[in-house]
Amino acid sequence: MDERFDDLTIYCVQLGGEIPFRYCRTVQDGLPCRRVLSCWEFRIEITRFLHENYSPEGLHQAFSPSPRTRIETIVDLVEKAKRTQGNQE
């Protein structure tokens, strides 16, 4: 996995704060956030990055509609953000 962009940060509209690219590319159990394209398109060559670092199946899974409700997704994202932040400290 290419980690050269991992320390870049961007404001996350879902979580309401600054998030490193590392989080965006792994938030869905090692797969990227489904908003990663729109959030990062002007900062890095995100389409190229995704195709070079993820399988077509992984990308399909990451960008397919979620079977979970919006609330379930938000709660899951908050829990993952807390775990990620705890691991960085």
PDB file of N, CA and C in Angstrom:
ATOM      1  N   MET A   1       0.843  -1.183   0.000  1.00  0.00           N
ATOM      2  CA  MET A   1       0.000   0.000   0.000  1.00  0.00           C
ATOM      3  C   MET A   1       0.884   1.241   0.000  1.00  0.00           C
ATOM      4  N   ASP A   2       0.568   2.167  -0.861  1.00  0.00           N
ATOM      5  CA  ASP A   2       1.280   3.440  -0.965  1.00  0.00           C
ATOM      6  C   ASP A   2       0.842   4.342   0.194  1.00  0.00           C
ATOM      7  N   GLU A   3       1.763   4.693   1.082  1.00  0.00           N
ATOM      8  CA  GLU A   3       1.445   5.480   2.273  1.00  0.00           C
ATOM      9  C   GLU A   3       1.946   6.919   2.198  1.00  0.00           C
ATOM     10  N   ARG A   4       2.405   7.363   1.045  1.00  0.00           N
ATOM     11  CA  ARG A   4       3.029   8.689   0.963  1.00  0.00           C
ATOM     12  C   ARG A   4       2.071   9.847   1.221  1.00  0.00           C
ATOM     13  N   PHE A   5       0.758   9.640   1.078  1.00  0.00           N
ATOM     14  CA  PHE A   5      -0.208  10.715   1.313  1.00  0.00           C
ATOM     15  C   PHE A   5      -0.867  10.622   2.692  1.00  0.00           C
ATOM     16  N   ASP A   6      -0.504   9.622   3.474  1.00  0.00           N
ATOM     17  CA  ASP A   6      -1.202   9.333   4.728  1.00  0.00           C
ATOM     18  C   ASP A   6      -1.271  10.496   5.711  1.00  0.00           C
ATOM     19  N   ASP A   7      -0.288  11.357   5.739  1.00  0.00           N
ATOM     20  CA  ASP A   7      -0.284  12.449   6.712  1.00  0.00           C
ATOM     21  C   ASP A   7      -0.968  13.720   6.217  1.00  0.00           C
ATOM     22  N   LEU A   8      -1.401  13.743   4.964  1.00  0.00           N
ATOM     23  CA  LEU A   8      -2.171  14.890   4.471  1.00  0.00           C
ATOM     24  C   LEU A   8      -3.522  14.897   5.172  1.00  0.00           C
ATOM     25  N   THR A   9      -4.035  16.079   5.492  1.00  0.00           N
ATOM     26  CA  THR A   9      -5.332  16.166   6.161  1.00  0.00           C
ATOM     27  C   THR A   9      -6.310  16.979   5.328  1.00  0.00           C
ATOM     28  N   ILE A  10      -7.578  16.732   5.596  1.00  0.00           N
ATOM     29  CA  ILE A  10      -8.660  17.426   4.905  1.00  0.00           C
ATOM     30  C   ILE A  10      -9.848  17.476   5.860  1.00  0.00           C
ATOM     31  N   TYR A  11     -10.709  18.473   5.679  1.00  0.00           N
ATOM     32  CA  TYR A  11     -11.915  18.562   6.501  1.00  0.00           C
ATOM     33  C   TYR A  11     -12.920  17.513   6.047  1.00  0.00           C
ATOM     34  N   CYS A  12     -13.419  16.722   6.978  1.00  0.00           N
ATOM     35  CA  CYS A  12     -14.395  15.676   6.675  1.00  0.00           C
ATOM     36  C   CYS A  12     -15.801  16.193   6.983  1.00  0.00           C
ATOM     37  N   VAL A  13     -16.646  16.275   5.963  1.00  0.00           N
ATOM     38  CA  VAL A  13     -18.007  16.756   6.175  1.00  0.00           C
ATOM     39  C   VAL A  13     -18.842  15.749   6.963  1.00  0.00           C
ATOM     40  N   GLN A  14     -18.502  14.477   6.895  1.00  0.00           N
ATOM     41  CA  GLN A  14     -19.240  13.461   7.648  1.00  0.00           C
ATOM     42  C   GLN A  14     -18.934  13.534   9.140  1.00  0.00           C
ATOM     43  N   LEU A  15     -17.669  13.715   9.472  1.00  0.00           N
ATOM     44  CA  LEU A  15     -17.262  13.702  10.876  1.00  0.00           C
ATOM     45  C   LEU A  15     -17.134  15.092  11.478  1.00  0.00           C
ATOM     46  N   GLY A  16     -17.027  16.109  10.627  1.00  0.00           N
ATOM     47  CA  GLY A  16     -16.965  17.479  11.123  1.00  0.00           C
ATOM     48  C   GLY A  16     -15.621  17.888  11.678  1.00  0.00           C
ATOM     49  N   GLY A  17     -14.545  17.374  11.144  1.00  0.00           N
ATOM     50  CA  GLY A  17     -13.214  17.737  11.623  1.00  0.00           C
ATOM     51  C   GLY A  17     -12.141  17.354  10.630  1.00  0.00           C
ATOM     52  N   GLU A  18     -10.905  17.693  10.975  1.00  0.00           N
ATOM     53  CA  GLU A  18      -9.759  17.356  10.130  1.00  0.00           C
ATOM     54  C   GLU A  18      -9.461  15.864  10.249  1.00  0.00           C
ATOM     55  N   ILE A  19      -9.278  15.232   9.111  1.00  0.00           N
ATOM     56  CA  ILE A  19      -9.035  13.792   9.044  1.00  0.00           C
ATOM     57  C   ILE A  19      -7.827  13.540   8.144  1.00  0.00           C
ATOM     58  N   PRO A  20      -6.912  12.655   8.554  1.00  0.00           N
ATOM     59  CA  PRO A  20      -5.786  12.326   7.667  1.00  0.00           C
ATOM     60  C   PRO A  20      -6.230  11.390   6.543  1.00  0.00           C
ATOM     61  N   PHE A  21      -5.533  11.452   5.442  1.00  0.00           N
ATOM     62  CA  PHE A  21      -5.839  10.586   4.302  1.00  0.00           C
ATOM     63  C   PHE A  21      -5.796   9.113   4.704  1.00  0.00           C
ATOM     64  N   ARG A  22      -4.915   8.769   5.610  1.00  0.00           N
ATOM     65  CA  ARG A  22      -4.806   7.382   6.102  1.00  0.00           C
ATOM     66  C   ARG A  22      -6.179   6.875   6.556  1.00  0.00           C
ATOM     67  N   TYR A  23      -6.915   7.711   7.274  1.00  0.00           N
ATOM     68  CA  TYR A  23      -8.253   7.329   7.735  1.00  0.00           C
ATOM     69  C   TYR A  23      -9.198   7.156   6.543  1.00  0.00           C
ATOM     70  N   CYS A  24      -9.157   8.108   5.619  1.00  0.00           N
ATOM     71  CA  CYS A  24     -10.061   8.081   4.459  1.00  0.00           C
ATOM     72  C   CYS A  24      -9.856   6.838   3.599  1.00  0.00           C
ATOM     73  N   ARG A  25      -8.625   6.368   3.511  1.00  0.00           N
ATOM     74  CA  ARG A  25      -8.354   5.220   2.641  1.00  0.00           C
ATOM     75  C   ARG A  25      -8.583   3.876   3.326  1.00  0.00           C
ATOM     76  N   THR A  26      -8.868   3.884   4.644  1.00  0.00           N
ATOM     77  CA  THR A  26      -9.042   2.612   5.359  1.00  0.00           C
ATOM     78  C   THR A  26     -10.315   2.526   6.192  1.00  0.00           C
ATOM     79  N   VAL A  27     -11.163   3.517   6.162  1.00  0.00           N
ATOM     80  CA  VAL A  27     -12.303   3.615   7.070  1.00  0.00           C
ATOM     81  C   VAL A  27     -13.290   2.452   6.980  1.00  0.00           C
ATOM     82  N   GLN A  28     -13.443   1.847   5.842  1.00  0.00           N
ATOM     83  CA  GLN A  28     -14.390   0.743   5.669  1.00  0.00           C
ATOM     84  C   GLN A  28     -13.665  -0.602   5.747  1.00  0.00           C
ATOM     85  N   ASP A  29     -13.175  -0.939   6.920  1.00  0.00           N
ATOM     86  CA  ASP A  29     -12.463  -2.210   7.107  1.00  0.00           C
ATOM     87  C   ASP A  29     -11.338  -2.386   6.099  1.00  0.00           C
ATOM     88  N   GLY A  30     -10.519  -1.347   5.955  1.00  0.00           N
ATOM     89  CA  GLY A  30      -9.378  -1.399   5.054  1.00  0.00           C
ATOM     90  C   GLY A  30      -9.661  -0.876   3.659  1.00  0.00           C
ATOM     91  N   LEU A  31     -10.901  -0.528   3.395  1.00  0.00           N
ATOM     92  CA  LEU A  31     -11.279   0.034   2.096  1.00  0.00           C
ATOM     93  C   LEU A  31     -11.552   1.528   2.249  1.00  0.00           C
ATOM     94  N   PRO A  32     -11.452   2.285   1.158  1.00  0.00           N
ATOM     95  CA  PRO A  32     -11.635   3.732   1.257  1.00  0.00           C
ATOM     96  C   PRO A  32     -13.087   4.151   1.498  1.00  0.00           C
ATOM     97  N   CYS A  33     -13.225   5.337   2.052  1.00  0.00           N
ATOM     98  CA  CYS A  33     -14.527   5.974   2.233  1.00  0.00           C
ATOM     99  C   CYS A  33     -15.157   6.187   0.862  1.00  0.00           C
ATOM    100  N   ARG A  34     -16.459   6.073   0.782  1.00  0.00           N
ATOM    101  CA  ARG A  34     -17.102   6.255  -0.522  1.00  0.00           C
ATOM    102  C   ARG A  34     -17.056   7.695  -1.002  1.00  0.00           C
ATOM    103  N   ARG A  35     -16.705   8.650  -0.139  1.00  0.00           N
ATOM    104  CA  ARG A  35     -16.582  10.053  -0.541  1.00  0.00           C
ATOM    105  C   ARG A  35     -15.148  10.450  -0.893  1.00  0.00           C
ATOM    106  N   VAL A  36     -14.233   9.509  -0.851  1.00  0.00           N
ATOM    107  CA  VAL A  36     -12.816   9.817  -1.050  1.00  0.00           C
ATOM    108  C   VAL A  36     -12.549  10.497  -2.397  1.00  0.00           C
ATOM    109  N   LEU A  37     -13.288  10.132  -3.417  1.00  0.00           N
ATOM    110  CA  LEU A  37     -13.081  10.743  -4.738  1.00  0.00           C
ATOM    111  C   LEU A  37     -13.389  12.233  -4.713  1.00  0.00           C
ATOM    112  N   SER A  38     -14.552  12.602  -4.202  1.00  0.00           N
ATOM    113  CA  SER A  38     -14.928  14.016  -4.209  1.00  0.00           C
ATOM    114  C   SER A  38     -14.111  14.833  -3.214  1.00  0.00           C
ATOM    115  N   CYS A  39     -13.743  14.250  -2.105  1.00  0.00           N
ATOM    116  CA  CYS A  39     -12.977  14.994  -1.097  1.00  0.00           C
ATOM    117  C   CYS A  39     -11.531  15.255  -1.524  1.00  0.00           C
ATOM    118  N   TRP A  40     -10.910  14.290  -2.171  1.00  0.00           N
ATOM    119  CA  TRP A  40      -9.477  14.371  -2.455  1.00  0.00           C
ATOM    120  C   TRP A  40      -9.125  14.675  -3.905  1.00  0.00           C
ATOM    121  N   GLU A  41     -10.102  14.825  -4.787  1.00  0.00           N
ATOM    122  CA  GLU A  41      -9.808  14.959  -6.216  1.00  0.00           C
ATOM    123  C   GLU A  41      -8.926  16.150  -6.568  1.00  0.00           C
ATOM    124  N   PHE A  42      -8.944  17.208  -5.766  1.00  0.00           N
ATOM    125  CA  PHE A  42      -8.121  18.380  -6.076  1.00  0.00           C
ATOM    126  C   PHE A  42      -6.805  18.414  -5.298  1.00  0.00           C
ATOM    127  N   ARG A  43      -6.586  17.425  -4.447  1.00  0.00           N
ATOM    128  CA  ARG A  43      -5.361  17.386  -3.638  1.00  0.00           C
ATOM    129  C   ARG A  43      -4.337  16.383  -4.154  1.00  0.00           C
ATOM    130  N   ILE A  44      -4.821  15.228  -4.596  1.00  0.00           N
ATOM    131  CA  ILE A  44      -3.935  14.179  -5.111  1.00  0.00           C
ATOM    132  C   ILE A  44      -4.612  13.523  -6.319  1.00  0.00           C
ATOM    133  N   GLU A  45      -3.878  12.723  -7.042  1.00  0.00           N
ATOM    134  CA  GLU A  45      -4.468  11.973  -8.161  1.00  0.00           C
ATOM    135  C   GLU A  45      -5.184  10.755  -7.577  1.00  0.00           C
ATOM    136  N   ILE A  46      -6.364  11.004  -7.019  1.00  0.00           N
ATOM    137  CA  ILE A  46      -7.057   9.984  -6.241  1.00  0.00           C
ATOM    138  C   ILE A  46      -7.515   8.788  -7.077  1.00  0.00           C
ATOM    139  N   THR A  47      -7.978   9.022  -8.285  1.00  0.00           N
ATOM    140  CA  THR A  47      -8.416   7.901  -9.127  1.00  0.00           C
ATOM    141  C   THR A  47      -7.251   6.965  -9.413  1.00  0.00           C
ATOM    142  N   ARG A  48      -6.131   7.537  -9.755  1.00  0.00           N
ATOM    143  CA  ARG A  48      -4.928   6.734 -10.015  1.00  0.00           C
ATOM    144  C   ARG A  48      -4.500   5.981  -8.756  1.00  0.00           C
ATOM    145  N   PHE A  49      -4.494   6.682  -7.616  1.00  0.00           N
ATOM    146  CA  PHE A  49      -4.120   6.061  -6.351  1.00  0.00           C
ATOM    147  C   PHE A  49      -5.007   4.845  -6.064  1.00  0.00           C
ATOM    148  N   LEU A  50      -6.307   5.015  -6.208  1.00  0.00           N
ATOM    149  CA  LEU A  50      -7.236   3.921  -5.914  1.00  0.00           C
ATOM    150  C   LEU A  50      -7.005   2.718  -6.819  1.00  0.00           C
ATOM    151  N   HIS A  51      -6.839   2.966  -8.103  1.00  0.00           N
ATOM    152  CA  HIS A  51      -6.641   1.854  -9.043  1.00  0.00           C
ATOM    153  C   HIS A  51      -5.294   1.154  -8.847  1.00  0.00           C
ATOM    154  N   GLU A  52      -4.297   1.878  -8.360  1.00  0.00           N
ATOM    155  CA  GLU A  52      -2.985   1.272  -8.127  1.00  0.00           C
ATOM    156  C   GLU A  52      -2.903   0.524  -6.799  1.00  0.00           C
ATOM    157  N   ASN A  53      -3.812   0.820  -5.867  1.00  0.00           N
ATOM    158  CA  ASN A  53      -3.694   0.261  -4.524  1.00  0.00           C
ATOM    159  C   ASN A  53      -4.841  -0.647  -4.080  1.00  0.00           C
ATOM    160  N   TYR A  54      -5.899  -0.735  -4.856  1.00  0.00           N
ATOM    161  CA  TYR A  54      -7.045  -1.571  -4.492  1.00  0.00           C
ATOM    162  C   TYR A  54      -7.462  -2.423  -5.682  1.00  0.00           C
ATOM    163  N   SER A  55      -7.976  -3.585  -5.385  1.00  0.00           N
ATOM    164  CA  SER A  55      -8.474  -4.470  -6.448  1.00  0.00           C
ATOM    165  C   SER A  55      -9.807  -3.926  -6.971  1.00  0.00           C
ATOM    166  N   PRO A  56     -10.183  -4.311  -8.181  1.00  0.00           N
ATOM    167  CA  PRO A  56     -11.500  -3.904  -8.694  1.00  0.00           C
ATOM    168  C   PRO A  56     -12.638  -4.349  -7.766  1.00  0.00           C
ATOM    169  N   GLU A  57     -12.502  -5.527  -7.172  1.00  0.00           N
ATOM    170  CA  GLU A  57     -13.523  -6.025  -6.253  1.00  0.00           C
ATOM    171  C   GLU A  57     -13.597  -5.157  -4.999  1.00  0.00           C
ATOM    172  N   GLY A  58     -12.436  -4.774  -4.476  1.00  0.00           N
ATOM    173  CA  GLY A  58     -12.401  -3.912  -3.299  1.00  0.00           C
ATOM    174  C   GLY A  58     -13.025  -2.554  -3.572  1.00  0.00           C
ATOM    175  N   LEU A  59     -12.724  -1.993  -4.731  1.00  0.00           N
ATOM    176  CA  LEU A  59     -13.308  -0.700  -5.097  1.00  0.00           C
ATOM    177  C   LEU A  59     -14.815  -0.817  -5.280  1.00  0.00           C
ATOM    178  N   HIS A  60     -15.253  -1.900  -5.889  1.00  0.00           N
ATOM    179  CA  HIS A  60     -16.695  -2.109  -6.058  1.00  0.00           C
ATOM    180  C   HIS A  60     -17.379  -2.184  -4.694  1.00  0.00           C
ATOM    181  N   GLN A  61     -16.774  -2.910  -3.785  1.00  0.00           N
ATOM    182  CA  GLN A  61     -17.334  -3.039  -2.440  1.00  0.00           C
ATOM    183  C   GLN A  61     -17.350  -1.688  -1.729  1.00  0.00           C
ATOM    184  N   ALA A  62     -16.284  -0.915  -1.865  1.00  0.00           N
ATOM    185  CA  ALA A  62     -16.188   0.376  -1.184  1.00  0.00           C
ATOM    186  C   ALA A  62     -17.215   1.376  -1.692  1.00  0.00           C
ATOM    187  N   PHE A  63     -17.491   1.353  -2.987  1.00  0.00           N
ATOM    188  CA  PHE A  63     -18.359   2.366  -3.568  1.00  0.00           C
ATOM    189  C   PHE A  63     -19.782   1.893  -3.842  1.00  0.00           C
ATOM    190  N   SER A  64     -20.110   0.675  -3.454  1.00  0.00           N
ATOM    191  CA  SER A  64     -21.486   0.178  -3.590  1.00  0.00           C
ATOM    192  C   SER A  64     -22.350   0.803  -2.501  1.00  0.00           C
ATOM    193  N   PRO A  65     -23.638   0.944  -2.774  1.00  0.00           N
ATOM    194  CA  PRO A  65     -24.532   1.506  -1.749  1.00  0.00           C
ATOM    195  C   PRO A  65     -24.500   0.671  -0.476  1.00  0.00           C
ATOM    196  N   SER A  66     -24.557   1.349   0.640  1.00  0.00           N
ATOM    197  CA  SER A  66     -24.501   0.686   1.939  1.00  0.00           C
ATOM    198  C   SER A  66     -25.865   0.100   2.309  1.00  0.00           C
ATOM    199  N   PRO A  67     -25.882  -1.138   2.813  1.00  0.00           N
ATOM    200  CA  PRO A  67     -27.146  -1.716   3.259  1.00  0.00           C
ATOM    201  C   PRO A  67     -27.552  -1.183   4.638  1.00  0.00           C
ATOM    202  N   ARG A  68     -26.664  -0.425   5.280  1.00  0.00           N
ATOM    203  CA  ARG A  68     -26.947   0.109   6.613  1.00  0.00           C
ATOM    204  C   ARG A  68     -27.703   1.436   6.521  1.00  0.00           C
ATOM    205  N   THR A  69     -28.392   1.784   7.609  1.00  0.00           N
ATOM    206  CA  THR A  69     -29.074   3.075   7.671  1.00  0.00           C
ATOM    207  C   THR A  69     -28.043   4.176   7.881  1.00  0.00           C
ATOM    208  N   ARG A  70     -28.453   5.396   7.668  1.00  0.00           N
ATOM    209  CA  ARG A  70     -27.555   6.538   7.848  1.00  0.00           C
ATOM    210  C   ARG A  70     -27.053   6.619   9.297  1.00  0.00           C
ATOM    211  N   ILE A  71     -27.933   6.400  10.256  1.00  0.00           N
ATOM    212  CA  ILE A  71     -27.546   6.451  11.675  1.00  0.00           C
ATOM    213  C   ILE A  71     -26.524   5.365  11.990  1.00  0.00           C
ATOM    214  N   GLU A  72     -26.735   4.159  11.503  1.00  0.00           N
ATOM    215  CA  GLU A  72     -25.774   3.074  11.728  1.00  0.00           C
ATOM    216  C   GLU A  72     -24.408   3.432  11.152  1.00  0.00           C
ATOM    217  N   THR A  73     -24.410   4.032   9.986  1.00  0.00           N
ATOM    218  CA  THR A  73     -23.158   4.442   9.351  1.00  0.00           C
ATOM    219  C   THR A  73     -22.451   5.499  10.178  1.00  0.00           C
ATOM    220  N   ILE A  74     -23.188   6.499  10.664  1.00  0.00           N
ATOM    221  CA  ILE A  74     -22.594   7.577  11.459  1.00  0.00           C
ATOM    222  C   ILE A  74     -22.009   7.027  12.755  1.00  0.00           C
ATOM    223  N   VAL A  75     -22.756   6.186  13.437  1.00  0.00           N
ATOM    224  CA  VAL A  75     -22.266   5.599  14.692  1.00  0.00           C
ATOM    225  C   VAL A  75     -21.003   4.786  14.432  1.00  0.00           C
ATOM    226  N   ASP A  76     -20.995   4.005  13.371  1.00  0.00           N
ATOM    227  CA  ASP A  76     -19.823   3.202  13.018  1.00  0.00           C
ATOM    228  C   ASP A  76     -18.619   4.090  12.718  1.00  0.00           C
ATOM    229  N   LEU A  77     -18.828   5.167  11.968  1.00  0.00           N
ATOM    230  CA  LEU A  77     -17.729   6.081  11.641  1.00  0.00           C
ATOM    231  C   LEU A  77     -17.163   6.750  12.892  1.00  0.00           C
ATOM    232  N   VAL A  78     -18.020   7.147  13.812  1.00  0.00           N
ATOM    233  CA  VAL A  78     -17.560   7.772  15.055  1.00  0.00           C
ATOM    234  C   VAL A  78     -16.739   6.779  15.871  1.00  0.00           C
ATOM    235  N   GLU A  79     -17.209   5.546  15.976  1.00  0.00           N
ATOM    236  CA  GLU A  79     -16.467   4.524  16.725  1.00  0.00           C
ATOM    237  C   GLU A  79     -15.104   4.253  16.098  1.00  0.00           C
ATOM    238  N   LYS A  80     -15.058   4.162  14.776  1.00  0.00           N
ATOM    239  CA  LYS A  80     -13.784   3.921  14.093  1.00  0.00           C
ATOM    240  C   LYS A  80     -12.844   5.105  14.252  1.00  0.00           C
ATOM    241  N   ALA A  81     -13.381   6.320  14.211  1.00  0.00           N
ATOM    242  CA  ALA A  81     -12.549   7.513  14.391  1.00  0.00           C
ATOM    243  C   ALA A  81     -11.950   7.535  15.792  1.00  0.00           C
ATOM    244  N   LYS A  82     -12.731   7.160  16.786  1.00  0.00           N
ATOM    245  CA  LYS A  82     -12.227   7.115  18.163  1.00  0.00           C
ATOM    246  C   LYS A  82     -11.106   6.083  18.293  1.00  0.00           C
ATOM    247  N   ARG A  83     -11.302   4.915  17.684  1.00  0.00           N
ATOM    248  CA  ARG A  83     -10.264   3.879  17.743  1.00  0.00           C
ATOM    249  C   ARG A  83      -9.002   4.338  17.031  1.00  0.00           C
ATOM    250  N   THR A  84      -9.164   4.960  15.879  1.00  0.00           N
ATOM    251  CA  THR A  84      -8.017   5.446  15.108  1.00  0.00           C
ATOM    252  C   THR A  84      -7.263   6.506  15.891  1.00  0.00           C
ATOM    253  N   GLN A  85      -7.991   7.431  16.488  1.00  0.00           N
ATOM    254  CA  GLN A  85      -7.351   8.492  17.264  1.00  0.00           C
ATOM    255  C   GLN A  85      -6.643   7.908  18.484  1.00  0.00           C
ATOM    256  N   GLY A  86      -7.245   6.916  19.121  1.00  0.00           N
ATOM    257  CA  GLY A  86      -6.621   6.266  20.267  1.00  0.00           C
ATOM    258  C   GLY A  86      -5.338   5.552  19.897  1.00  0.00           C
ATOM    259  N   ASN A  87      -5.281   4.985  18.696  1.00  0.00           N
ATOM    260  CA  ASN A  87      -4.082   4.284  18.227  1.00  0.00           C
ATOM    261  C   ASN A  87      -2.952   5.242  17.887  1.00  0.00           C
ATOM    262  N   GLN A  88      -3.281   6.481  17.540  1.00  0.00           N
ATOM    263  CA  GLN A  88      -2.264   7.460  17.152  1.00  0.00           C
ATOM    264  C   GLN A  88      -1.600   8.105  18.361  1.00  0.00           C
ATOM    265  N   GLU A  89      -2.259   8.064  19.498  1.00  0.00           N
ATOM    266  CA  GLU A  89      -1.710   8.727  20.697  1.00  0.00           C
ATOM    267  C   GLU A  89      -0.705   7.883  21.416  1.00  0.00           C
TER     268      GLU A  89
END
